[in-house]
Amino acid sequence: MVVISREDYERLRQPKPNFVELIRNSPLMDVDIDLTRDQSLTREIDL
């Protein structure tokens, strides 16, 4: 048996947003992120 508060129960009962809704409602939605990939060749390293 697990005992939780009514408030926690109500919070857990609410439907979870799907992934698209989660991303669209993110506070970071308007932040510009540079997703370009570095096109340089590999480099030599000393091990």
N, C-alpha and C. Protein backbone atom coordinates (compact mmCIF):
# COMPACT_ATOMS: atom_id res chain seq x y z
N MET A 1 0.84 -1.15 0.00
CA MET A 1 0.00 0.00 0.00
C MET A 1 0.90 1.24 0.00
N VAL A 2 0.49 2.23 -0.78
CA VAL A 2 1.20 3.50 -0.86
C VAL A 2 0.22 4.61 -0.51
N VAL A 3 0.64 5.51 0.35
CA VAL A 3 -0.22 6.61 0.75
C VAL A 3 0.40 7.90 0.22
N ILE A 4 -0.40 8.64 -0.55
CA ILE A 4 0.04 9.94 -1.07
C ILE A 4 -1.06 10.97 -0.82
N SER A 5 -0.69 12.21 -0.88
CA SER A 5 -1.67 13.27 -0.65
C SER A 5 -2.63 13.37 -1.83
N ARG A 6 -3.75 13.95 -1.58
CA ARG A 6 -4.76 14.16 -2.62
C ARG A 6 -4.18 15.03 -3.74
N GLU A 7 -3.42 16.04 -3.36
CA GLU A 7 -2.79 16.94 -4.34
C GLU A 7 -1.85 16.16 -5.27
N ASP A 8 -1.03 15.29 -4.70
CA ASP A 8 -0.13 14.48 -5.52
C ASP A 8 -0.90 13.53 -6.43
N TYR A 9 -1.95 12.95 -5.88
CA TYR A 9 -2.79 12.05 -6.68
C TYR A 9 -3.39 12.77 -7.88
N GLU A 10 -3.93 13.94 -7.66
CA GLU A 10 -4.54 14.70 -8.76
C GLU A 10 -3.49 15.09 -9.80
N ARG A 11 -2.31 15.45 -9.34
CA ARG A 11 -1.23 15.82 -10.26
C ARG A 11 -0.82 14.60 -11.11
N LEU A 12 -0.72 13.45 -10.49
CA LEU A 12 -0.32 12.24 -11.21
C LEU A 12 -1.41 11.73 -12.15
N ARG A 13 -2.64 12.03 -11.85
CA ARG A 13 -3.77 11.58 -12.66
C ARG A 13 -3.91 12.33 -13.97
N GLN A 14 -3.42 13.54 -14.01
CA GLN A 14 -3.57 14.35 -15.21
C GLN A 14 -2.84 13.71 -16.38
N PRO A 15 -3.41 13.81 -17.59
CA PRO A 15 -2.76 13.22 -18.75
C PRO A 15 -1.42 13.90 -19.03
N LYS A 16 -0.48 13.10 -19.45
CA LYS A 16 0.84 13.62 -19.79
C LYS A 16 0.83 14.12 -21.23
N PRO A 17 1.52 15.24 -21.53
CA PRO A 17 1.56 15.72 -22.91
C PRO A 17 2.40 14.77 -23.77
N ASN A 18 2.05 14.69 -25.04
CA ASN A 18 2.90 13.89 -25.92
C ASN A 18 4.17 14.67 -26.22
N PHE A 19 5.11 14.04 -26.87
CA PHE A 19 6.43 14.64 -27.08
C PHE A 19 6.34 15.96 -27.85
N VAL A 20 5.53 16.02 -28.88
CA VAL A 20 5.41 17.23 -29.69
C VAL A 20 4.85 18.38 -28.85
N GLU A 21 3.83 18.12 -28.06
CA GLU A 21 3.26 19.15 -27.19
C GLU A 21 4.29 19.62 -26.17
N LEU A 22 5.05 18.69 -25.65
CA LEU A 22 6.07 19.03 -24.67
C LEU A 22 7.11 19.98 -25.26
N ILE A 23 7.57 19.69 -26.46
CA ILE A 23 8.56 20.54 -27.12
C ILE A 23 7.96 21.90 -27.47
N ARG A 24 6.76 21.91 -28.00
CA ARG A 24 6.11 23.18 -28.39
C ARG A 24 5.83 24.09 -27.20
N ASN A 25 5.59 23.51 -26.04
CA ASN A 25 5.29 24.31 -24.85
C ASN A 25 6.52 24.59 -24.00
N SER A 26 7.66 24.21 -24.48
CA SER A 26 8.89 24.41 -23.72
C SER A 26 9.21 25.89 -23.60
N PRO A 27 9.71 26.32 -22.45
CA PRO A 27 10.14 27.72 -22.31
C PRO A 27 11.35 28.03 -23.18
N LEU A 28 12.01 27.01 -23.68
CA LEU A 28 13.19 27.20 -24.54
C LEU A 28 12.84 27.13 -26.03
N MET A 29 11.58 27.14 -26.34
CA MET A 29 11.14 27.01 -27.73
C MET A 29 11.74 28.09 -28.63
N ASP A 30 11.90 29.30 -28.15
CA ASP A 30 12.37 30.40 -28.97
C ASP A 30 13.88 30.60 -28.92
N VAL A 31 14.58 29.71 -28.26
CA VAL A 31 16.04 29.83 -28.17
C VAL A 31 16.66 29.27 -29.45
N ASP A 32 17.57 30.04 -30.04
CA ASP A 32 18.25 29.57 -31.24
C ASP A 32 19.41 28.67 -30.86
N ILE A 33 19.40 27.47 -31.40
CA ILE A 33 20.47 26.51 -31.14
C ILE A 33 21.13 26.18 -32.47
N ASP A 34 22.43 26.26 -32.49
CA ASP A 34 23.18 25.94 -33.70
C ASP A 34 23.35 24.42 -33.79
N LEU A 35 22.63 23.80 -34.71
CA LEU A 35 22.68 22.35 -34.86
C LEU A 35 23.54 21.91 -36.05
N THR A 36 24.30 22.85 -36.61
CA THR A 36 25.17 22.47 -37.72
C THR A 36 26.32 21.62 -37.21
N ARG A 37 26.73 20.72 -38.05
CA ARG A 37 27.78 19.80 -37.68
C ARG A 37 29.13 20.28 -38.18
N ASP A 38 30.15 20.09 -37.39
CA ASP A 38 31.50 20.47 -37.78
C ASP A 38 31.95 19.56 -38.93
N GLN A 39 32.30 20.15 -40.06
CA GLN A 39 32.66 19.39 -41.25
C GLN A 39 34.16 19.19 -41.40
N SER A 40 34.95 19.60 -40.41
CA SER A 40 36.39 19.44 -40.50
C SER A 40 36.78 17.97 -40.44
N LEU A 41 37.96 17.69 -40.98
CA LEU A 41 38.46 16.33 -40.98
C LEU A 41 38.92 15.93 -39.59
N THR A 42 39.17 14.65 -39.41
CA THR A 42 39.65 14.19 -38.10
C THR A 42 41.04 14.72 -37.85
N ARG A 43 41.45 14.69 -36.64
CA ARG A 43 42.76 15.22 -36.30
C ARG A 43 43.60 14.15 -35.64
N GLU A 44 44.88 14.30 -35.73
CA GLU A 44 45.83 13.38 -35.11
C GLU A 44 46.03 13.79 -33.65
N ILE A 45 46.08 12.81 -32.78
CA ILE A 45 46.37 13.08 -31.37
C ILE A 45 47.44 12.13 -30.89
N ASP A 46 48.20 12.55 -29.91
CA ASP A 46 49.22 11.70 -29.28
C ASP A 46 48.59 11.01 -28.08
N LEU A 47 48.72 9.70 -28.05
CA LEU A 47 48.17 8.96 -26.92
C LEU A 47 49.25 8.58 -25.95
